[in-house]
N, C-alpha and C. Protein backbone atom coordinates (compact mmCIF):
# COMPACT_ATOMS: atom_id res chain seq x y z
N MET A 1 97.28 72.91 102.59
CA MET A 1 97.26 74.35 102.43
C MET A 1 96.30 74.72 101.30
N VAL A 2 95.75 75.91 101.40
CA VAL A 2 94.81 76.40 100.39
C VAL A 2 95.28 77.76 99.88
N ASP A 3 94.77 78.14 98.70
CA ASP A 3 95.16 79.42 98.10
C ASP A 3 94.48 80.61 98.77
N SER A 4 93.36 80.38 99.46
CA SER A 4 92.60 81.50 100.02
C SER A 4 93.26 82.14 101.25
N LYS A 5 94.10 81.39 101.96
CA LYS A 5 94.81 81.93 103.13
C LYS A 5 96.25 82.22 102.76
N THR A 6 96.91 83.06 103.56
CA THR A 6 98.32 83.34 103.31
C THR A 6 99.15 82.11 103.66
N VAL A 7 100.22 81.91 102.92
CA VAL A 7 101.09 80.76 103.15
C VAL A 7 101.78 80.89 104.50
N GLY A 8 102.13 82.11 104.88
CA GLY A 8 102.80 82.33 106.16
C GLY A 8 101.97 81.85 107.34
N SER A 9 100.68 82.16 107.35
CA SER A 9 99.82 81.72 108.46
C SER A 9 99.65 80.20 108.46
N GLN A 10 99.56 79.60 107.27
CA GLN A 10 99.40 78.15 107.18
C GLN A 10 100.68 77.42 107.61
N VAL A 11 101.83 78.02 107.32
CA VAL A 11 103.11 77.43 107.76
C VAL A 11 103.19 77.47 109.28
N GLN A 12 102.73 78.57 109.89
CA GLN A 12 102.73 78.66 111.34
C GLN A 12 101.84 77.59 111.97
N GLU A 13 100.69 77.32 111.33
CA GLU A 13 99.80 76.28 111.84
C GLU A 13 100.48 74.91 111.77
N LEU A 14 101.17 74.64 110.65
CA LEU A 14 101.89 73.37 110.52
C LEU A 14 103.01 73.26 111.56
N GLN A 15 103.69 74.38 111.81
CA GLN A 15 104.75 74.36 112.81
C GLN A 15 104.20 74.07 114.21
N LEU A 16 103.01 74.58 114.51
CA LEU A 16 102.38 74.30 115.81
C LEU A 16 102.04 72.81 115.93
N ILE A 17 101.54 72.23 114.84
CA ILE A 17 101.23 70.79 114.85
C ILE A 17 102.50 69.97 115.07
N LEU A 18 103.57 70.33 114.35
CA LEU A 18 104.84 69.62 114.50
C LEU A 18 105.41 69.80 115.90
N HIS A 19 105.24 71.00 116.45
CA HIS A 19 105.72 71.26 117.81
C HIS A 19 104.98 70.38 118.81
N ASP A 20 103.66 70.22 118.62
CA ASP A 20 102.87 69.36 119.50
C ASP A 20 103.34 67.91 119.40
N LEU A 21 103.68 67.45 118.19
CA LEU A 21 104.18 66.09 118.02
C LEU A 21 105.50 65.89 118.76
N ILE A 22 106.38 66.87 118.66
CA ILE A 22 107.69 66.79 119.33
C ILE A 22 107.50 66.84 120.85
N ALA A 23 106.51 67.63 121.32
CA ALA A 23 106.24 67.73 122.75
C ALA A 23 105.75 66.39 123.31
N GLU A 24 105.15 65.57 122.46
CA GLU A 24 104.67 64.24 122.87
C GLU A 24 105.78 63.19 122.77
N ASP A 25 107.03 63.63 122.67
CA ASP A 25 108.21 62.77 122.56
C ASP A 25 108.25 61.93 121.29
N MET A 26 107.65 62.45 120.23
CA MET A 26 107.75 61.78 118.93
C MET A 26 108.90 62.42 118.17
N VAL A 27 109.70 61.59 117.54
CA VAL A 27 110.84 62.09 116.78
C VAL A 27 110.39 62.35 115.35
N VAL A 28 110.53 63.62 114.92
CA VAL A 28 110.21 64.00 113.54
C VAL A 28 111.45 64.64 112.94
N ASN A 29 112.04 63.96 111.99
CA ASN A 29 113.26 64.42 111.34
C ASN A 29 113.02 65.79 110.68
N GLU A 30 114.01 66.69 110.77
CA GLU A 30 113.86 68.02 110.19
C GLU A 30 113.73 67.97 108.67
N ALA A 31 114.44 67.06 108.02
CA ALA A 31 114.34 66.91 106.56
C ALA A 31 112.92 66.48 106.18
N PHE A 32 112.29 65.63 107.02
CA PHE A 32 110.91 65.22 106.78
C PHE A 32 109.96 66.40 106.94
N GLN A 33 110.20 67.23 107.94
CA GLN A 33 109.35 68.41 108.16
C GLN A 33 109.42 69.35 106.95
N VAL A 34 110.64 69.57 106.44
CA VAL A 34 110.83 70.46 105.28
C VAL A 34 110.10 69.88 104.07
N ALA A 35 110.30 68.57 103.82
CA ALA A 35 109.66 67.92 102.68
C ALA A 35 108.14 67.97 102.79
N ALA A 36 107.61 67.78 104.00
CA ALA A 36 106.16 67.81 104.21
C ALA A 36 105.60 69.21 103.93
N MET A 37 106.31 70.24 104.39
CA MET A 37 105.83 71.61 104.14
C MET A 37 105.87 71.94 102.65
N ILE A 38 106.92 71.52 101.98
CA ILE A 38 107.02 71.79 100.54
C ILE A 38 105.88 71.08 99.81
N GLU A 39 105.62 69.86 100.19
CA GLU A 39 104.57 69.07 99.52
C GLU A 39 103.18 69.64 99.77
N LYS A 40 102.98 70.29 100.90
CA LYS A 40 101.67 70.83 101.26
C LYS A 40 101.40 72.23 100.70
N LEU A 41 102.33 72.80 99.95
CA LEU A 41 102.12 74.14 99.39
C LEU A 41 100.87 74.15 98.51
N PRO A 42 100.14 75.28 98.46
CA PRO A 42 98.88 75.35 97.70
C PRO A 42 99.11 75.20 96.19
N PRO A 43 98.05 74.89 95.44
CA PRO A 43 98.16 74.66 93.99
C PRO A 43 98.79 75.80 93.19
N LEU A 44 98.52 77.04 93.56
CA LEU A 44 99.09 78.17 92.82
C LEU A 44 100.61 78.28 93.00
N TRP A 45 101.15 77.53 93.93
CA TRP A 45 102.58 77.56 94.22
C TRP A 45 103.31 76.39 93.58
N ASN A 46 102.71 75.69 92.62
CA ASN A 46 103.32 74.50 92.02
C ASN A 46 104.69 74.79 91.41
N ASP A 47 104.84 75.93 90.75
CA ASP A 47 106.13 76.25 90.15
C ASP A 47 107.22 76.40 91.22
N PHE A 48 106.90 77.08 92.31
CA PHE A 48 107.87 77.26 93.39
C PHE A 48 108.11 75.94 94.11
N LYS A 49 107.07 75.12 94.24
CA LYS A 49 107.20 73.80 94.86
C LYS A 49 108.19 72.94 94.07
N ASN A 50 108.06 72.94 92.75
CA ASN A 50 108.99 72.18 91.90
C ASN A 50 110.41 72.71 92.01
N TYR A 51 110.54 74.03 92.10
CA TYR A 51 111.86 74.64 92.27
C TYR A 51 112.51 74.15 93.57
N LEU A 52 111.74 74.14 94.65
CA LEU A 52 112.28 73.72 95.94
C LEU A 52 112.61 72.22 95.96
N LYS A 53 111.80 71.42 95.29
CA LYS A 53 112.04 69.97 95.26
C LYS A 53 113.33 69.63 94.54
N HIS A 54 113.72 70.45 93.57
CA HIS A 54 114.90 70.14 92.78
C HIS A 54 116.18 70.77 93.33
N LYS A 55 116.10 71.38 94.49
CA LYS A 55 117.31 71.92 95.12
C LYS A 55 118.16 70.73 95.59
N ARG A 56 119.45 70.78 95.32
CA ARG A 56 120.32 69.66 95.70
C ARG A 56 120.75 69.74 97.15
N LYS A 57 120.99 70.94 97.63
CA LYS A 57 121.45 71.11 99.00
C LYS A 57 120.26 70.95 99.95
N GLU A 58 120.48 70.21 101.06
CA GLU A 58 119.41 70.05 102.04
C GLU A 58 119.10 71.38 102.69
N MET A 59 117.83 71.63 102.91
CA MET A 59 117.40 72.90 103.45
C MET A 59 116.92 72.70 104.88
N LYS A 60 117.23 73.64 105.73
CA LYS A 60 116.74 73.59 107.10
C LYS A 60 115.34 74.20 107.13
N LEU A 61 114.59 73.89 108.17
CA LEU A 61 113.22 74.38 108.31
C LEU A 61 113.19 75.90 108.37
N GLU A 62 114.14 76.48 109.07
CA GLU A 62 114.21 77.94 109.19
C GLU A 62 114.45 78.59 107.82
N ASP A 63 115.35 77.98 107.02
CA ASP A 63 115.61 78.50 105.67
C ASP A 63 114.37 78.42 104.78
N LEU A 64 113.64 77.32 104.92
CA LEU A 64 112.41 77.15 104.12
C LEU A 64 111.39 78.23 104.47
N VAL A 65 111.21 78.48 105.75
CA VAL A 65 110.23 79.49 106.19
C VAL A 65 110.62 80.86 105.65
N ILE A 66 111.91 81.17 105.67
CA ILE A 66 112.38 82.46 105.14
C ILE A 66 112.12 82.55 103.64
N ARG A 67 112.43 81.48 102.90
CA ARG A 67 112.20 81.47 101.45
C ARG A 67 110.71 81.62 101.11
N LEU A 68 109.86 80.94 101.88
CA LEU A 68 108.42 81.05 101.64
C LEU A 68 107.93 82.47 101.90
N LYS A 69 108.44 83.10 102.94
CA LYS A 69 108.05 84.49 103.26
C LYS A 69 108.47 85.43 102.13
N ILE A 70 109.70 85.26 101.64
CA ILE A 70 110.19 86.11 100.54
C ILE A 70 109.35 85.90 99.29
N GLU A 71 109.06 84.64 98.96
CA GLU A 71 108.25 84.35 97.77
C GLU A 71 106.85 84.93 97.89
N GLU A 72 106.26 84.83 99.06
CA GLU A 72 104.92 85.38 99.27
C GLU A 72 104.92 86.91 99.14
N ASP A 73 105.94 87.55 99.69
CA ASP A 73 106.06 89.01 99.55
C ASP A 73 106.21 89.41 98.09
N ASN A 74 107.03 88.66 97.34
CA ASN A 74 107.21 88.96 95.91
C ASN A 74 105.91 88.79 95.14
N ARG A 75 105.16 87.74 95.46
CA ARG A 75 103.88 87.52 94.77
C ARG A 75 102.88 88.63 95.09
N ASN A 76 102.85 89.07 96.34
CA ASN A 76 101.94 90.17 96.71
C ASN A 76 102.33 91.46 96.02
N ALA A 77 103.62 91.75 95.93
CA ALA A 77 104.09 92.96 95.25
C ALA A 77 103.74 92.90 93.77
N GLU A 78 103.86 91.72 93.17
CA GLU A 78 103.52 91.57 91.75
C GLU A 78 102.02 91.79 91.52
N LYS A 79 101.19 91.29 92.44
CA LYS A 79 99.74 91.50 92.33
C LYS A 79 99.40 92.98 92.39
N LYS A 80 100.05 93.69 93.33
CA LYS A 80 99.78 95.11 93.48
C LYS A 80 100.19 95.88 92.23
N SER A 81 101.32 95.52 91.64
CA SER A 81 101.77 96.24 90.44
C SER A 81 100.85 95.95 89.26
N ARG A 82 100.28 94.73 89.20
CA ARG A 82 99.33 94.41 88.13
C ARG A 82 98.04 95.17 88.31
N LYS A 83 97.60 95.37 89.56
CA LYS A 83 96.36 96.10 89.82
C LYS A 83 96.51 97.58 89.50
N SER A 84 97.71 98.14 89.70
CA SER A 84 97.91 99.57 89.48
C SER A 84 98.12 99.90 88.02
N SER A 85 98.35 98.91 87.18
CA SER A 85 98.55 99.19 85.76
C SER A 85 97.25 98.94 85.01
N THR A 86 96.99 99.80 84.04
CA THR A 86 95.82 99.63 83.19
C THR A 86 96.27 99.64 81.74
N ILE A 87 95.70 98.77 80.96
CA ILE A 87 96.04 98.71 79.54
C ILE A 87 95.22 99.76 78.82
N ILE A 88 95.90 100.68 78.15
CA ILE A 88 95.23 101.75 77.44
C ILE A 88 94.78 101.27 76.06
N GLY A 89 95.62 100.57 75.36
CA GLY A 89 95.24 100.10 74.03
C GLY A 89 96.08 98.93 73.60
N VAL A 90 95.50 98.05 72.81
CA VAL A 90 96.21 96.89 72.29
C VAL A 90 95.92 96.77 70.80
N ASN A 91 96.95 96.63 70.02
CA ASN A 91 96.79 96.40 68.58
C ASN A 91 97.41 95.06 68.25
N ILE A 92 96.62 94.17 67.68
CA ILE A 92 97.13 92.86 67.30
C ILE A 92 96.81 92.64 65.84
N PHE A 93 97.81 92.13 65.11
CA PHE A 93 97.52 91.80 63.74
C PHE A 93 98.18 90.49 63.41
N GLU A 94 97.48 89.65 62.64
CA GLU A 94 98.01 88.37 62.23
C GLU A 94 97.90 88.26 60.73
N GLU A 95 98.90 87.67 60.13
CA GLU A 95 98.87 87.44 58.70
C GLU A 95 98.32 86.05 58.45
N ALA A 96 97.41 85.96 57.48
CA ALA A 96 96.91 84.65 57.09
C ALA A 96 97.90 84.05 56.11
N PRO A 97 98.16 82.75 56.21
CA PRO A 97 99.09 82.14 55.27
C PRO A 97 98.51 82.16 53.86
N THR A 98 99.32 82.61 52.91
CA THR A 98 98.86 82.67 51.52
C THR A 98 99.64 81.66 50.70
N LYS A 99 98.92 81.01 49.76
CA LYS A 99 99.57 80.01 48.92
C LYS A 99 100.07 80.63 47.62
N ASP A 100 99.25 81.47 46.96
CA ASP A 100 99.73 82.10 45.74
C ASP A 100 100.05 83.55 46.01
N LYS A 101 100.92 84.05 45.19
CA LYS A 101 101.35 85.44 45.38
C LYS A 101 100.40 86.41 44.70
N LYS A 102 99.57 85.92 43.76
CA LYS A 102 98.62 86.80 43.08
C LYS A 102 97.41 87.02 43.98
N ARG A 103 96.84 88.20 43.87
CA ARG A 103 95.66 88.51 44.66
C ARG A 103 94.42 87.96 43.98
N LYS A 104 93.47 87.53 44.78
CA LYS A 104 92.22 87.02 44.24
C LYS A 104 91.29 88.18 43.98
N LYS A 105 90.55 88.09 42.88
CA LYS A 105 89.58 89.14 42.55
C LYS A 105 88.25 88.77 43.18
N SER A 106 87.54 89.75 43.65
CA SER A 106 86.23 89.47 44.24
C SER A 106 85.21 89.30 43.12
N ASN A 107 84.25 88.41 43.32
CA ASN A 107 83.24 88.12 42.31
C ASN A 107 82.02 89.01 42.43
N GLY A 108 81.91 89.76 43.51
CA GLY A 108 80.73 90.60 43.74
C GLY A 108 80.72 91.82 42.83
N GLN A 109 79.54 92.41 42.63
CA GLN A 109 79.42 93.61 41.80
C GLN A 109 79.94 94.81 42.57
N LYS A 110 80.60 95.70 41.88
CA LYS A 110 81.15 96.90 42.52
C LYS A 110 80.12 98.01 42.48
N SER A 111 80.09 98.79 43.54
CA SER A 111 79.13 99.89 43.60
C SER A 111 79.61 101.05 42.72
N GLU A 112 78.79 102.05 42.61
CA GLU A 112 79.10 103.21 41.76
C GLU A 112 80.36 103.93 42.25
N GLN A 113 80.54 104.01 43.57
CA GLN A 113 81.71 104.70 44.11
C GLN A 113 82.99 103.94 43.79
N ALA A 114 82.96 102.63 43.87
CA ALA A 114 84.16 101.84 43.62
C ALA A 114 84.55 101.88 42.15
N LYS A 115 83.59 102.09 41.25
CA LYS A 115 83.88 102.14 39.82
C LYS A 115 84.60 103.43 39.45
N LYS A 116 84.40 104.49 40.24
CA LYS A 116 85.08 105.75 39.96
C LYS A 116 86.58 105.55 40.14
N LYS A 117 87.35 106.29 39.39
CA LYS A 117 88.80 106.16 39.44
C LYS A 117 89.33 106.70 40.78
N PHE A 118 90.20 105.95 41.39
CA PHE A 118 90.83 106.32 42.66
C PHE A 118 91.90 107.36 42.40
N LYS A 119 91.89 108.44 43.18
CA LYS A 119 92.81 109.54 42.92
C LYS A 119 94.12 109.43 43.69
N GLY A 120 94.18 108.58 44.72
CA GLY A 120 95.38 108.47 45.54
C GLY A 120 96.38 107.47 44.97
N ASN A 121 97.42 107.20 45.73
CA ASN A 121 98.45 106.23 45.33
C ASN A 121 98.18 104.88 45.98
N CYS A 122 98.58 103.83 45.29
CA CYS A 122 98.46 102.47 45.80
C CYS A 122 99.48 102.26 46.92
N TYR A 123 99.05 101.66 48.04
CA TYR A 123 99.97 101.40 49.14
C TYR A 123 100.91 100.24 48.82
N ASN A 124 100.55 99.41 47.84
CA ASN A 124 101.35 98.25 47.49
C ASN A 124 102.50 98.61 46.54
N CYS A 125 102.14 99.19 45.37
CA CYS A 125 103.18 99.47 44.37
C CYS A 125 103.55 100.95 44.29
N GLY A 126 102.72 101.82 44.86
CA GLY A 126 103.02 103.25 44.88
C GLY A 126 102.52 104.00 43.67
N LYS A 127 101.91 103.32 42.69
CA LYS A 127 101.41 103.99 41.48
C LYS A 127 100.05 104.61 41.74
N ALA A 128 99.76 105.65 40.99
CA ALA A 128 98.48 106.35 41.14
C ALA A 128 97.40 105.66 40.32
N GLY A 129 96.14 105.87 40.71
CA GLY A 129 95.01 105.41 39.92
C GLY A 129 94.31 104.17 40.43
N HIS A 130 94.85 103.48 41.39
CA HIS A 130 94.17 102.30 41.92
C HIS A 130 94.54 102.09 43.39
N ARG A 131 93.67 101.33 44.07
CA ARG A 131 93.90 100.98 45.48
C ARG A 131 94.77 99.74 45.56
N SER A 132 95.32 99.49 46.74
CA SER A 132 96.14 98.29 46.92
C SER A 132 95.30 97.02 46.80
N SER A 133 93.99 97.10 47.13
CA SER A 133 93.12 95.93 47.00
C SER A 133 92.90 95.56 45.53
N ASP A 134 93.07 96.53 44.62
CA ASP A 134 92.91 96.27 43.18
C ASP A 134 94.24 96.13 42.46
N CYS A 135 95.35 96.12 43.18
CA CYS A 135 96.68 96.09 42.58
C CYS A 135 96.98 94.73 41.96
N HIS A 136 97.57 94.75 40.75
CA HIS A 136 97.94 93.51 40.07
C HIS A 136 99.37 93.09 40.37
N ALA A 137 100.15 93.96 40.98
CA ALA A 137 101.54 93.64 41.32
C ALA A 137 101.55 92.65 42.49
N PRO A 138 102.61 91.85 42.61
CA PRO A 138 102.70 90.94 43.77
C PRO A 138 102.66 91.73 45.07
N ARG A 139 102.07 91.13 46.08
CA ARG A 139 101.90 91.80 47.36
C ARG A 139 103.24 92.16 47.97
N ASN A 140 103.38 93.41 48.39
CA ASN A 140 104.60 93.91 49.01
C ASN A 140 104.52 93.62 50.50
N ASP A 141 105.30 92.64 50.98
CA ASP A 141 105.30 92.27 52.40
C ASP A 141 106.37 93.05 53.13
N LYS A 142 105.96 94.00 53.95
CA LYS A 142 106.92 94.79 54.72
C LYS A 142 107.38 94.02 55.95
N ASN A 143 106.62 93.01 56.39
CA ASN A 143 106.93 92.29 57.63
C ASN A 143 107.41 90.87 57.37
N LYS A 144 108.10 90.62 56.25
CA LYS A 144 108.48 89.24 55.89
C LYS A 144 109.33 88.57 56.96
N GLY A 145 110.35 89.20 57.46
CA GLY A 145 111.27 88.55 58.40
C GLY A 145 110.83 88.61 59.84
N LYS A 146 109.72 89.24 60.13
CA LYS A 146 109.35 89.47 61.52
C LYS A 146 108.46 88.39 62.11
N GLY A 147 108.01 87.45 61.33
CA GLY A 147 107.13 86.42 61.89
C GLY A 147 105.70 86.64 61.46
N LYS A 148 104.81 85.83 61.95
CA LYS A 148 103.44 85.85 61.47
C LYS A 148 102.52 86.75 62.29
N SER A 149 102.82 87.04 63.54
CA SER A 149 101.92 87.87 64.31
C SER A 149 102.71 88.85 65.18
N GLN A 150 102.10 89.98 65.42
CA GLN A 150 102.73 91.01 66.23
C GLN A 150 101.68 91.62 67.14
N ALA A 151 102.12 92.19 68.25
CA ALA A 151 101.22 92.88 69.15
C ALA A 151 101.92 94.13 69.68
N ASN A 152 101.21 95.22 69.72
CA ASN A 152 101.71 96.45 70.32
C ASN A 152 100.82 96.75 71.51
N ILE A 153 101.42 96.91 72.68
CA ILE A 153 100.65 97.18 73.89
C ILE A 153 101.17 98.45 74.53
N VAL A 154 100.27 99.34 74.87
CA VAL A 154 100.63 100.55 75.60
C VAL A 154 99.98 100.43 76.96
N GLU A 155 100.78 100.56 78.00
CA GLU A 155 100.30 100.33 79.34
C GLU A 155 100.65 101.53 80.20
N LYS A 156 99.74 101.95 81.09
CA LYS A 156 100.02 103.07 81.98
C LYS A 156 99.94 102.60 83.41
N MET A 157 100.97 102.92 84.19
CA MET A 157 101.00 102.56 85.60
C MET A 157 100.87 103.82 86.43
N LYS A 158 100.30 103.67 87.61
CA LYS A 158 100.14 104.83 88.50
C LYS A 158 101.49 105.33 88.98
N ASP A 159 102.45 104.40 89.20
CA ASP A 159 103.75 104.79 89.74
C ASP A 159 104.62 105.46 88.68
N ALA A 160 104.54 105.02 87.45
CA ALA A 160 105.40 105.55 86.39
C ALA A 160 104.60 106.51 85.51
N ASP A 161 105.29 107.53 85.01
CA ASP A 161 104.62 108.50 84.16
C ASP A 161 104.29 107.91 82.79
N ASP A 162 105.28 107.39 82.11
CA ASP A 162 105.07 106.84 80.77
C ASP A 162 105.66 105.45 80.70
N LEU A 163 104.92 104.54 80.06
CA LEU A 163 105.41 103.19 79.85
C LEU A 163 104.87 102.70 78.54
N CYS A 164 105.76 102.18 77.72
CA CYS A 164 105.35 101.64 76.43
C CYS A 164 106.02 100.30 76.25
N ALA A 165 105.26 99.29 75.87
CA ALA A 165 105.82 97.95 75.66
C ALA A 165 105.39 97.43 74.32
N MET A 166 106.31 96.75 73.63
CA MET A 166 105.98 96.14 72.36
C MET A 166 106.45 94.70 72.41
N ILE A 167 105.54 93.79 72.07
CA ILE A 167 105.86 92.37 72.06
C ILE A 167 105.75 91.90 70.63
N SER A 168 106.79 91.24 70.14
CA SER A 168 106.78 90.75 68.77
C SER A 168 107.25 89.32 68.78
N GLU A 169 106.53 88.45 68.07
CA GLU A 169 106.91 87.04 68.02
C GLU A 169 107.53 86.72 66.71
């Protein structure tokens, strides 16, 4: 079997071959037919193939064909839903591992604008007169317990009006 054709049509072709073998008075065990069809599933179906191989109860050929049809329909529906959704925006941020808690000072010369006193409040300590990049206080980690990386994804689907998803590791 190949990924370029539908599994349903390829199963029908295999059934015709097996039918021809049986018509020639060759005995082909039904369990062998099921195992052969499972083994011949295309590469993109490896996960489903492994699932079917580990089933304890013996499966009839008719049951296998029904399961394959259901799985193929589910995969097609999933493809259609992926095509109808578009990602509007993605924000990803990762924290670099830090060894010391003190901030490193840059060695480069500061321009005339940077030498002027900052009029806003520091985002780190909240005091006025300096930026968080120039703050001498230990870095205020708002995301300490949340892990090292986060992603915010906003996705819009044609079928749904509003959809918002957030993934955090």
